[in-house]
Amino acid sequence: MGILFYVRDQKASQTAQYMAFFRALETQRRSASRLFNDPYAFPLLSGRLRAVARLAQLPGLGSLVRGFLDLGWPYTRSSGVVRTRAIDDLVRDAIRGGARQFVVLGAGFDSRALRLEEAGRIAVFEVDHPATQELKKGRLSAFLGRAPANIRYLAVDFERDPLEPKLIDSGFEPTAPAVVVWEGVVSYLTEPAVQGTLAALARLLAPSSSLIFTYMHGGALDGSATFPGARRWRSWVSFSGEPFIFGFRPETLAATLEIFGFMLQKDESTHDESMRYCPPIGRSERGSEAYRVASAVRMEA
C-alpha cells in the first residue's frame, strides 16, 4: 500500500508554516524561559507570518501576540511548542542510544536535522511532498547557502510513490538502527494510509529502531470524548484546508502498534508534557489533553 500524506493540491502545507511560526515565537523568549531554540524557524517564514513574528520581537509585544493566538486557537500554539521539545528529547535519547539514521516523514518545516547537535553526526533523510520540500529548501538556501552533507532530501508524491525504494536508493540502511519522526502528519491521513505507513516502517526498520509520532485522540474527532479547545482546533485546521481525518485511541494504541511489530514505550498528551516542561521554567501553559506524543520501538521479528 502506498503512503499518503495530506497535501492540498500542489501547495505547500499551511500547518507546516504555522508550526514554524510557533517555533519562531518560542525562540524569541528569554533563554531562561524558552523550551528550545530554533534559529531556522524565522527564515522559513514569509508574508504575514514573517511580519507578525518580526513584530513580536519588539519589547512587550511577544506576550501579546502569543496571548492573541491562545485566545483564538486554544492550546494550539502551546501544544505545538511543547510537542517540539518532547520530540527533541526523544530524538536525542534515540541517537545517544545507538540510532545511526534519522528519518523525518512529512518533514514540513522541521529543522531538527540542523539544530540538534546529535543529528549532525548521522545520516538524515527528510521525506516530504515536493511542493513543501522545494519551498523549504529555497528558504533555507537563502539563509544557509548549502545544506549540510549528511541531509538527504527525498521528494515523494505520497499519492503515487512508494517510500521504501526511495529511502533505500538514497542510502538508507535497513540493517542499521534508526529513529523516525512522524510529527503532525497522522491526523491528516486516512486509516488505510496510516496502516500502510506502519507496515512499510515495519519492513524498513531494524530491531531497536525508534518511531516517534503525534496524533489526535480519536474520541475528539468522532465526538465520543470531549476535551477543552478541541472543537475550535478542529475548526481551525478545517478552515485552513487541512482537516483532521484520523485519530488513534490511547487505550488501544499499544495493541495496534504490536500488530505492526512495534512496542509502545510512551504515550502522553501535550497537556501532560506541559506539566513536565513548563513549571520548571516559570510557565503555566497547559497544552492539549486531546493531542498526544507517542514513541515506540521496533521489536525483533
C-alpha atoms as a PDB file:
ATOM      1  CA  MET A   1       0.000   0.000   0.000  1.00  0.00           C
ATOM      2  CA  GLY A   2       1.309   3.462  -0.804  1.00  0.00           C
ATOM      3  CA  ILE A   3       1.980   6.022   1.906  1.00  0.00           C
ATOM      4  CA  LEU A   4      -0.300   9.046   1.716  1.00  0.00           C
ATOM      5  CA  PHE A   5       0.346  12.417   3.289  1.00  0.00           C
ATOM      6  CA  TYR A   6      -2.280  15.113   3.194  1.00  0.00           C
ATOM      7  CA  VAL A   7      -1.196  17.994   0.933  1.00  0.00           C
ATOM      8  CA  ARG A   8      -3.640  20.357  -0.677  1.00  0.00           C
ATOM      9  CA  ASP A   9      -3.069  20.008  -4.438  1.00  0.00           C
ATOM     10  CA  GLN A  10       0.434  21.336  -5.213  1.00  0.00           C
ATOM     11  CA  LYS A  11       0.530  23.938  -2.450  1.00  0.00           C
ATOM     12  CA  ALA A  12       2.915  23.780   0.473  1.00  0.00           C
ATOM     13  CA  SER A  13       1.403  22.693   3.774  1.00  0.00           C
ATOM     14  CA  GLN A  14      -0.193  25.521   5.743  1.00  0.00           C
ATOM     15  CA  THR A  15       0.197  23.687   9.037  1.00  0.00           C
ATOM     16  CA  ALA A  16       3.943  23.339   8.426  1.00  0.00           C
ATOM     17  CA  GLN A  17       4.199  27.111   8.106  1.00  0.00           C
ATOM     18  CA  TYR A  18       2.179  27.734  11.256  1.00  0.00           C
ATOM     19  CA  MET A  19       4.367  25.324  13.226  1.00  0.00           C
ATOM     20  CA  ALA A  20       7.447  27.256  12.093  1.00  0.00           C
ATOM     21  CA  PHE A  21       5.669  30.431  13.220  1.00  0.00           C
ATOM     22  CA  PHE A  22       5.027  28.954  16.674  1.00  0.00           C
ATOM     23  CA  ARG A  23       8.668  27.871  16.943  1.00  0.00           C
ATOM     24  CA  ALA A  24       9.849  31.330  15.909  1.00  0.00           C
ATOM     25  CA  LEU A  25       7.750  32.919  18.661  1.00  0.00           C
ATOM     26  CA  GLU A  26       9.135  30.430  21.185  1.00  0.00           C
ATOM     27  CA  THR A  27      12.710  31.188  20.140  1.00  0.00           C
ATOM     28  CA  GLN A  28      12.156  34.905  20.789  1.00  0.00           C
ATOM     29  CA  ARG A  29      11.610  34.281  24.501  1.00  0.00           C
ATOM     30  CA  ARG A  30      14.385  34.834  27.018  1.00  0.00           C
ATOM     31  CA  SER A  31      16.709  31.827  27.079  1.00  0.00           C
ATOM     32  CA  ALA A  32      15.821  31.003  30.687  1.00  0.00           C
ATOM     33  CA  SER A  33      12.101  30.681  29.905  1.00  0.00           C
ATOM     34  CA  ARG A  34      12.002  29.055  26.477  1.00  0.00           C
ATOM     35  CA  LEU A  35      11.560  25.374  25.712  1.00  0.00           C
ATOM     36  CA  PHE A  36      14.039  25.282  22.832  1.00  0.00           C
ATOM     37  CA  ASN A  37      15.988  27.468  20.418  1.00  0.00           C
ATOM     38  CA  ASP A  38      15.185  27.221  16.698  1.00  0.00           C
ATOM     39  CA  PRO A  39      17.201  29.803  14.726  1.00  0.00           C
ATOM     40  CA  TYR A  40      15.849  28.393  11.451  1.00  0.00           C
ATOM     41  CA  ALA A  41      12.161  28.979  12.160  1.00  0.00           C
ATOM     42  CA  PHE A  42      12.083  32.686  11.326  1.00  0.00           C
ATOM     43  CA  PRO A  43      13.980  32.340   7.997  1.00  0.00           C
ATOM     44  CA  LEU A  44      11.391  29.747   6.929  1.00  0.00           C
ATOM     45  CA  LEU A  45       8.555  32.254   7.290  1.00  0.00           C
ATOM     46  CA  SER A  46       7.192  34.634   4.679  1.00  0.00           C
ATOM     47  CA  GLY A  47       4.358  37.100   4.218  1.00  0.00           C
ATOM     48  CA  ARG A  48       2.057  37.868   7.143  1.00  0.00           C
ATOM     49  CA  LEU A  49       3.515  35.206   9.426  1.00  0.00           C
ATOM     50  CA  ARG A  50       7.002  36.635   8.997  1.00  0.00           C
ATOM     51  CA  ALA A  51       5.691  40.163   9.593  1.00  0.00           C
ATOM     52  CA  VAL A  52       3.885  39.164  12.805  1.00  0.00           C
ATOM     53  CA  ALA A  53       6.925  37.222  14.046  1.00  0.00           C
ATOM     54  CA  ARG A  54       9.091  40.284  13.410  1.00  0.00           C
ATOM     55  CA  LEU A  55       6.584  42.475  15.237  1.00  0.00           C
ATOM     56  CA  ALA A  56       6.630  40.064  18.183  1.00  0.00           C
ATOM     57  CA  GLN A  57      10.357  40.715  18.592  1.00  0.00           C
ATOM     58  CA  LEU A  58       9.610  44.219  19.868  1.00  0.00           C
ATOM     59  CA  PRO A  59       9.626  44.632  23.675  1.00  0.00           C
ATOM     60  CA  GLY A  60       6.317  43.655  25.246  1.00  0.00           C
ATOM     61  CA  LEU A  61       4.666  42.568  22.008  1.00  0.00           C
ATOM     62  CA  GLY A  62       5.698  38.908  22.093  1.00  0.00           C
ATOM     63  CA  SER A  63       3.398  38.118  25.001  1.00  0.00           C
ATOM     64  CA  LEU A  64       0.545  39.997  23.322  1.00  0.00           C
ATOM     65  CA  VAL A  65       0.931  38.004  20.103  1.00  0.00           C
ATOM     66  CA  ARG A  66       1.067  34.712  21.982  1.00  0.00           C
ATOM     67  CA  GLY A  67      -1.962  35.714  24.065  1.00  0.00           C
ATOM     68  CA  PHE A  68      -3.936  36.607  20.950  1.00  0.00           C
ATOM     69  CA  LEU A  69      -3.113  33.231  19.363  1.00  0.00           C
ATOM     70  CA  ASP A  70      -4.074  31.348  22.504  1.00  0.00           C
ATOM     71  CA  LEU A  71      -7.380  33.188  22.691  1.00  0.00           C
ATOM     72  CA  GLY A  72      -8.330  32.411  19.095  1.00  0.00           C
ATOM     73  CA  TRP A  73      -6.839  28.906  18.876  1.00  0.00           C
ATOM     74  CA  PRO A  74      -6.830  27.484  22.418  1.00  0.00           C
ATOM     75  CA  TYR A  75      -3.944  25.096  23.199  1.00  0.00           C
ATOM     76  CA  THR A  76      -2.735  25.036  19.578  1.00  0.00           C
ATOM     77  CA  ARG A  77       0.442  27.082  19.997  1.00  0.00           C
ATOM     78  CA  SER A  78       1.266  25.704  23.445  1.00  0.00           C
ATOM     79  CA  SER A  79       0.683  22.154  22.247  1.00  0.00           C
ATOM     80  CA  GLY A  80       2.920  22.765  19.236  1.00  0.00           C
ATOM     81  CA  VAL A  81       5.905  24.089  21.149  1.00  0.00           C
ATOM     82  CA  VAL A  82       5.641  21.515  23.930  1.00  0.00           C
ATOM     83  CA  ARG A  83       5.461  18.652  21.442  1.00  0.00           C
ATOM     84  CA  THR A  84       8.539  20.117  19.731  1.00  0.00           C
ATOM     85  CA  ARG A  85      10.520  19.971  22.977  1.00  0.00           C
ATOM     86  CA  ALA A  86       9.278  16.490  23.862  1.00  0.00           C
ATOM     87  CA  ILE A  87      10.225  15.110  20.444  1.00  0.00           C
ATOM     88  CA  ASP A  88      13.605  16.854  20.566  1.00  0.00           C
ATOM     89  CA  ASP A  89      14.394  14.982  23.771  1.00  0.00           C
ATOM     90  CA  LEU A  90      13.172  11.658  22.374  1.00  0.00           C
ATOM     91  CA  VAL A  91      15.306  12.065  19.238  1.00  0.00           C
ATOM     92  CA  ARG A  92      18.385  12.934  21.291  1.00  0.00           C
ATOM     93  CA  ASP A  93      17.813   9.898  23.506  1.00  0.00           C
ATOM     94  CA  ALA A  94      17.404   7.598  20.484  1.00  0.00           C
ATOM     95  CA  ILE A  95      20.617   8.805  18.826  1.00  0.00           C
ATOM     96  CA  ARG A  96      22.575   8.573  22.060  1.00  0.00           C
ATOM     97  CA  GLY A  97      21.122   5.075  22.434  1.00  0.00           C
ATOM     98  CA  GLY A  98      22.564   3.905  19.142  1.00  0.00           C
ATOM     99  CA  ALA A  99      20.390   5.155  16.252  1.00  0.00           C
ATOM    100  CA  ARG A 100      22.622   5.726  13.222  1.00  0.00           C
ATOM    101  CA  GLN A 101      19.978   7.157  10.869  1.00  0.00           C
ATOM    102  CA  PHE A 102      17.298   9.799  11.285  1.00  0.00           C
ATOM    103  CA  VAL A 103      14.179   9.822   9.086  1.00  0.00           C
ATOM    104  CA  VAL A 104      11.689  12.700   9.149  1.00  0.00           C
ATOM    105  CA  LEU A 105       8.414  11.687   7.487  1.00  0.00           C
ATOM    106  CA  GLY A 106       6.325  14.575   6.222  1.00  0.00           C
ATOM    107  CA  ALA A 107       9.157  16.864   7.297  1.00  0.00           C
ATOM    108  CA  GLY A 108       7.382  20.140   6.609  1.00  0.00           C
ATOM    109  CA  PHE A 109       9.495  22.959   8.055  1.00  0.00           C
ATOM    110  CA  ASP A 110      11.128  20.738  10.679  1.00  0.00           C
ATOM    111  CA  SER A 111      14.681  21.888  11.485  1.00  0.00           C
ATOM    112  CA  ARG A 112      15.946  19.160  13.824  1.00  0.00           C
ATOM    113  CA  ALA A 113      18.482  17.979  11.249  1.00  0.00           C
ATOM    114  CA  LEU A 114      20.101  21.401  11.531  1.00  0.00           C
ATOM    115  CA  ARG A 115      19.622  22.415  15.145  1.00  0.00           C
ATOM    116  CA  LEU A 116      20.122  19.166  17.082  1.00  0.00           C
ATOM    117  CA  GLU A 117      23.826  18.523  17.569  1.00  0.00           C
ATOM    118  CA  GLU A 118      23.266  14.773  17.729  1.00  0.00           C
ATOM    119  CA  ALA A 119      21.559  14.754  14.310  1.00  0.00           C
ATOM    120  CA  GLY A 120      24.589  16.384  12.719  1.00  0.00           C
ATOM    121  CA  ARG A 121      26.618  13.223  13.304  1.00  0.00           C
ATOM    122  CA  ILE A 122      24.383  10.743  11.452  1.00  0.00           C
ATOM    123  CA  ALA A 123      22.615  10.379   8.099  1.00  0.00           C
ATOM    124  CA  VAL A 124      19.328  12.296   7.897  1.00  0.00           C
ATOM    125  CA  PHE A 125      16.544  11.595   5.404  1.00  0.00           C
ATOM    126  CA  GLU A 126      13.865  14.266   5.059  1.00  0.00           C
ATOM    127  CA  VAL A 127      10.809  12.949   3.221  1.00  0.00           C
ATOM    128  CA  ASP A 128       8.043  15.252   2.047  1.00  0.00           C
ATOM    129  CA  HIS A 129       5.756  16.281  -0.772  1.00  0.00           C
ATOM    130  CA  PRO A 130       7.704  18.167  -3.482  1.00  0.00           C
ATOM    131  CA  ALA A 131       5.705  21.407  -3.082  1.00  0.00           C
ATOM    132  CA  THR A 132       6.503  21.819   0.611  1.00  0.00           C
ATOM    133  CA  GLN A 133      10.049  20.497   0.289  1.00  0.00           C
ATOM    134  CA  GLU A 134      11.050  22.829  -2.547  1.00  0.00           C
ATOM    135  CA  LEU A 135       9.721  25.841  -0.657  1.00  0.00           C
ATOM    136  CA  LYS A 136      11.663  24.809   2.433  1.00  0.00           C
ATOM    137  CA  LYS A 137      14.895  24.170   0.546  1.00  0.00           C
ATOM    138  CA  GLY A 138      14.660  27.522  -1.209  1.00  0.00           C
ATOM    139  CA  ARG A 139      14.204  29.461   2.018  1.00  0.00           C
ATOM    140  CA  LEU A 140      16.948  27.557   3.824  1.00  0.00           C
ATOM    141  CA  SER A 141      19.300  28.040   0.890  1.00  0.00           C
ATOM    142  CA  ALA A 142      18.805  31.802   1.087  1.00  0.00           C
ATOM    143  CA  PHE A 143      19.656  31.654   4.809  1.00  0.00           C
ATOM    144  CA  LEU A 144      22.367  28.966   4.927  1.00  0.00           C
ATOM    145  CA  GLY A 145      23.718  28.548   1.461  1.00  0.00           C
ATOM    146  CA  ARG A 146      24.414  24.846   1.002  1.00  0.00           C
ATOM    147  CA  ALA A 147      22.710  22.285   3.238  1.00  0.00           C
ATOM    148  CA  PRO A 148      24.925  20.019   5.377  1.00  0.00           C
ATOM    149  CA  ALA A 149      26.193  16.944   3.536  1.00  0.00           C
ATOM    150  CA  ASN A 150      24.525  14.493   5.926  1.00  0.00           C
ATOM    151  CA  ILE A 151      20.991  15.636   4.984  1.00  0.00           C
ATOM    152  CA  ARG A 152      19.272  13.921   2.078  1.00  0.00           C
ATOM    153  CA  TYR A 153      16.003  15.294   0.761  1.00  0.00           C
ATOM    154  CA  LEU A 154      13.527  12.827  -0.707  1.00  0.00           C
ATOM    155  CA  ALA A 155      10.739  14.435  -2.718  1.00  0.00           C
ATOM    156  CA  VAL A 156       7.851  11.978  -2.634  1.00  0.00           C
ATOM    157  CA  ASP A 157       4.383  12.317  -4.062  1.00  0.00           C
ATOM    158  CA  PHE A 158       2.722  10.208  -1.426  1.00  0.00           C
ATOM    159  CA  GLU A 159      -0.327   9.655  -3.613  1.00  0.00           C
ATOM    160  CA  ARG A 160       1.799   7.618  -6.047  1.00  0.00           C
ATOM    161  CA  ASP A 161       5.332   6.931  -4.836  1.00  0.00           C
ATOM    162  CA  PRO A 162       6.273   4.044  -2.522  1.00  0.00           C
ATOM    163  CA  LEU A 163       8.527   5.087   0.357  1.00  0.00           C
ATOM    164  CA  GLU A 164      10.743   2.023   0.700  1.00  0.00           C
ATOM    165  CA  PRO A 165      12.666   2.111  -2.602  1.00  0.00           C
ATOM    166  CA  LYS A 166      13.065   5.881  -2.343  1.00  0.00           C
ATOM    167  CA  LEU A 167      14.729   5.594   1.044  1.00  0.00           C
ATOM    168  CA  ILE A 168      16.933   2.650   0.137  1.00  0.00           C
ATOM    169  CA  ASP A 169      18.037   4.285  -3.135  1.00  0.00           C
ATOM    170  CA  SER A 170      19.052   7.345  -1.113  1.00  0.00           C
ATOM    171  CA  GLY A 171      21.333   5.295   1.123  1.00  0.00           C
ATOM    172  CA  PHE A 172      19.074   4.230   3.969  1.00  0.00           C
ATOM    173  CA  GLU A 173      20.390   1.014   5.540  1.00  0.00           C
ATOM    174  CA  PRO A 174      17.606  -1.352   6.704  1.00  0.00           C
ATOM    175  CA  THR A 175      20.051  -3.226   8.935  1.00  0.00           C
ATOM    176  CA  ALA A 176      21.150  -0.148  10.906  1.00  0.00           C
ATOM    177  CA  PRO A 177      19.111   1.211  13.856  1.00  0.00           C
ATOM    178  CA  ALA A 178      17.194   4.367  13.022  1.00  0.00           C
ATOM    179  CA  VAL A 179      14.948   6.954  14.633  1.00  0.00           C
ATOM    180  CA  VAL A 180      11.859   8.034  12.702  1.00  0.00           C
ATOM    181  CA  VAL A 181       9.852  11.168  13.472  1.00  0.00           C
ATOM    182  CA  TRP A 182       6.299  11.317  12.126  1.00  0.00           C
ATOM    183  CA  GLU A 183       5.146  14.619  13.610  1.00  0.00           C
ATOM    184  CA  GLY A 184       1.948  16.456  12.773  1.00  0.00           C
ATOM    185  CA  VAL A 185       1.006  14.021   9.997  1.00  0.00           C
ATOM    186  CA  VAL A 186      -1.129  11.120  11.269  1.00  0.00           C
ATOM    187  CA  SER A 187      -4.176  13.316  11.889  1.00  0.00           C
ATOM    188  CA  TYR A 188      -4.373  14.260   8.202  1.00  0.00           C
ATOM    189  CA  LEU A 189      -4.317  10.694   6.837  1.00  0.00           C
ATOM    190  CA  THR A 190      -6.941   8.065   6.180  1.00  0.00           C
ATOM    191  CA  GLU A 191      -6.833   4.917   8.291  1.00  0.00           C
ATOM    192  CA  PRO A 192      -5.555   2.776   5.359  1.00  0.00           C
ATOM    193  CA  ALA A 193      -2.748   5.277   4.789  1.00  0.00           C
ATOM    194  CA  VAL A 194      -1.746   5.153   8.457  1.00  0.00           C
ATOM    195  CA  GLN A 195      -1.733   1.363   8.390  1.00  0.00           C
ATOM    196  CA  GLY A 196       0.234   1.364   5.147  1.00  0.00           C
ATOM    197  CA  THR A 197       2.865   3.621   6.671  1.00  0.00           C
ATOM    198  CA  LEU A 198       3.223   1.444   9.762  1.00  0.00           C
ATOM    199  CA  ALA A 199       3.558  -1.664   7.598  1.00  0.00           C
ATOM    200  CA  ALA A 200       6.234  -0.025   5.449  1.00  0.00           C
ATOM    201  CA  LEU A 201       8.170   1.118   8.502  1.00  0.00           C
ATOM    202  CA  ALA A 202       7.987  -2.388   9.960  1.00  0.00           C
ATOM    203  CA  ARG A 203       9.642  -3.692   6.792  1.00  0.00           C
ATOM    204  CA  LEU A 204      12.249  -0.918   6.692  1.00  0.00           C
ATOM    205  CA  LEU A 205      13.374  -0.572  10.274  1.00  0.00           C
ATOM    206  CA  ALA A 206      15.908  -2.709  12.070  1.00  0.00           C
ATOM    207  CA  PRO A 207      15.071  -4.032  15.558  1.00  0.00           C
ATOM    208  CA  SER A 208      15.573  -1.426  18.332  1.00  0.00           C
ATOM    209  CA  SER A 209      14.768   1.413  15.924  1.00  0.00           C
ATOM    210  CA  SER A 210      12.542   4.160  17.357  1.00  0.00           C
ATOM    211  CA  LEU A 211       9.299   5.567  15.962  1.00  0.00           C
ATOM    212  CA  ILE A 212       8.121   8.901  17.397  1.00  0.00           C
ATOM    213  CA  PHE A 213       4.783  10.306  16.286  1.00  0.00           C
ATOM    214  CA  THR A 214       1.959  12.637  17.239  1.00  0.00           C
ATOM    215  CA  TYR A 215      -1.760  12.065  16.933  1.00  0.00           C
ATOM    216  CA  MET A 216      -5.164  13.392  17.851  1.00  0.00           C
ATOM    217  CA  HIS A 217      -7.300  11.402  20.300  1.00  0.00           C
ATOM    218  CA  GLY A 218      -9.877   9.589  18.168  1.00  0.00           C
ATOM    219  CA  GLY A 219     -12.639  10.491  20.605  1.00  0.00           C
ATOM    220  CA  ALA A 220     -12.043  14.183  19.946  1.00  0.00           C
ATOM    221  CA  LEU A 221     -12.707  13.596  16.257  1.00  0.00           C
ATOM    222  CA  ASP A 222     -15.860  11.482  16.421  1.00  0.00           C
ATOM    223  CA  GLY A 223     -17.372  13.313  19.397  1.00  0.00           C
ATOM    224  CA  SER A 224     -17.298  10.354  21.776  1.00  0.00           C
ATOM    225  CA  ALA A 225     -14.951  12.260  24.120  1.00  0.00           C
ATOM    226  CA  THR A 226     -14.690  15.967  24.877  1.00  0.00           C
ATOM    227  CA  PHE A 227     -11.557  17.993  25.530  1.00  0.00           C
ATOM    228  CA  PRO A 228     -11.045  21.712  26.195  1.00  0.00           C
ATOM    229  CA  GLY A 229     -10.494  23.617  22.958  1.00  0.00           C
ATOM    230  CA  ALA A 230     -10.592  20.552  20.705  1.00  0.00           C
ATOM    231  CA  ARG A 231     -13.665  21.645  18.727  1.00  0.00           C
ATOM    232  CA  ARG A 232     -12.188  25.050  17.914  1.00  0.00           C
ATOM    233  CA  TRP A 233      -8.871  23.432  16.942  1.00  0.00           C
ATOM    234  CA  ARG A 234     -10.684  21.092  14.545  1.00  0.00           C
ATOM    235  CA  SER A 235     -12.499  24.069  13.047  1.00  0.00           C
ATOM    236  CA  TRP A 236      -9.247  25.963  12.542  1.00  0.00           C
ATOM    237  CA  VAL A 237      -7.452  23.172  10.676  1.00  0.00           C
ATOM    238  CA  SER A 238     -10.560  22.569   8.555  1.00  0.00           C
ATOM    239  CA  PHE A 239     -10.695  26.263   7.674  1.00  0.00           C
ATOM    240  CA  SER A 240      -7.017  26.165   6.672  1.00  0.00           C
ATOM    241  CA  GLY A 241      -7.858  23.411   4.184  1.00  0.00           C
ATOM    242  CA  GLU A 242      -6.092  20.600   6.060  1.00  0.00           C
ATOM    243  CA  PRO A 243      -8.774  18.937   8.236  1.00  0.00           C
ATOM    244  CA  PHE A 244      -8.176  16.260  10.838  1.00  0.00           C
ATOM    245  CA  ILE A 245      -9.196  12.882   9.432  1.00  0.00           C
ATOM    246  CA  PHE A 246      -7.841  10.159  11.693  1.00  0.00           C
ATOM    247  CA  GLY A 247      -7.037   9.577  15.353  1.00  0.00           C
ATOM    248  CA  PHE A 248      -5.818   6.693  17.465  1.00  0.00           C
ATOM    249  CA  ARG A 249      -7.432   5.610  20.715  1.00  0.00           C
ATOM    250  CA  PRO A 250      -4.901   5.713  23.579  1.00  0.00           C
ATOM    251  CA  GLU A 251      -6.464   2.669  25.214  1.00  0.00           C
ATOM    252  CA  THR A 252      -5.884   0.511  22.105  1.00  0.00           C
ATOM    253  CA  LEU A 253      -2.718   2.109  20.714  1.00  0.00           C
ATOM    254  CA  ALA A 254      -0.322  -0.467  22.194  1.00  0.00           C
ATOM    255  CA  ALA A 255      -2.267  -3.348  20.670  1.00  0.00           C
ATOM    256  CA  THR A 256      -2.465  -1.574  17.291  1.00  0.00           C
ATOM    257  CA  LEU A 257       1.286  -0.972  17.180  1.00  0.00           C
ATOM    258  CA  GLU A 258       2.029  -4.539  18.221  1.00  0.00           C
ATOM    259  CA  ILE A 259       0.262  -5.801  15.101  1.00  0.00           C
ATOM    260  CA  PHE A 260       2.916  -4.000  13.058  1.00  0.00           C
ATOM    261  CA  GLY A 261       5.852  -5.127  15.176  1.00  0.00           C
ATOM    262  CA  PHE A 262       6.248  -2.072  17.412  1.00  0.00           C
ATOM    263  CA  MET A 263       6.181  -1.919  21.205  1.00  0.00           C
ATOM    264  CA  LEU A 264       4.702   1.241  22.686  1.00  0.00           C
ATOM    265  CA  GLN A 265       7.054   2.934  25.138  1.00  0.00           C
ATOM    266  CA  LYS A 266       5.439   6.297  25.807  1.00  0.00           C
ATOM    267  CA  ASP A 267       2.092   7.938  25.095  1.00  0.00           C
ATOM    268  CA  GLU A 268       1.275  11.264  26.749  1.00  0.00           C
ATOM    269  CA  SER A 269      -0.872  14.267  25.920  1.00  0.00           C
ATOM    270  CA  THR A 270       0.769  17.611  25.312  1.00  0.00           C
ATOM    271  CA  HIS A 271      -1.031  18.700  28.475  1.00  0.00           C
ATOM    272  CA  ASP A 272       0.970  16.067  30.373  1.00  0.00           C
ATOM    273  CA  GLU A 273       4.155  17.212  28.642  1.00  0.00           C
ATOM    274  CA  SER A 274       3.377  20.829  29.540  1.00  0.00           C
ATOM    275  CA  MET A 275       3.061  19.898  33.196  1.00  0.00           C
ATOM    276  CA  ARG A 276       6.546  18.370  32.986  1.00  0.00           C
ATOM    277  CA  TYR A 277       8.362  21.025  30.998  1.00  0.00           C
ATOM    278  CA  CYS A 278       6.735  24.367  31.796  1.00  0.00           C
ATOM    279  CA  PRO A 279       6.664  24.777  35.623  1.00  0.00           C
ATOM    280  CA  PRO A 280      10.483  24.460  35.981  1.00  0.00           C
ATOM    281  CA  ILE A 281      10.919  27.499  33.716  1.00  0.00           C
ATOM    282  CA  GLY A 282       8.142  29.524  35.348  1.00  0.00           C
ATOM    283  CA  ARG A 283       5.418  28.929  32.770  1.00  0.00           C
ATOM    284  CA  SER A 284       1.866  27.707  33.182  1.00  0.00           C
ATOM    285  CA  GLU A 285       0.734  26.755  29.665  1.00  0.00           C
ATOM    286  CA  ARG A 286      -1.494  23.696  29.664  1.00  0.00           C
ATOM    287  CA  GLY A 287      -1.027  22.093  26.258  1.00  0.00           C
ATOM    288  CA  SER A 288      -3.866  19.981  24.863  1.00  0.00           C
ATOM    289  CA  GLU A 289      -5.467  16.971  26.516  1.00  0.00           C
ATOM    290  CA  ALA A 290      -6.560  15.745  23.076  1.00  0.00           C
ATOM    291  CA  TYR A 291      -3.221  15.935  21.237  1.00  0.00           C
ATOM    292  CA  ARG A 292      -0.625  13.287  22.073  1.00  0.00           C
ATOM    293  CA  VAL A 293       3.031  12.361  21.598  1.00  0.00           C
ATOM    294  CA  ALA A 294       3.910   8.673  21.397  1.00  0.00           C
ATOM    295  CA  SER A 295       7.088   6.668  20.926  1.00  0.00           C
ATOM    296  CA  ALA A 296       7.591   3.009  20.129  1.00  0.00           C
ATOM    297  CA  VAL A 297      10.465   0.629  19.423  1.00  0.00           C
ATOM    298  CA  ARG A 298      10.723  -1.890  16.589  1.00  0.00           C
ATOM    299  CA  MET A 299      10.674  -5.361  18.100  1.00  0.00           C
ATOM    300  CA  GLU A 300      12.617  -8.392  16.968  1.00  0.00           C
ATOM    301  CA  ALA A 301      10.887 -10.153  14.082  1.00  0.00           C
END
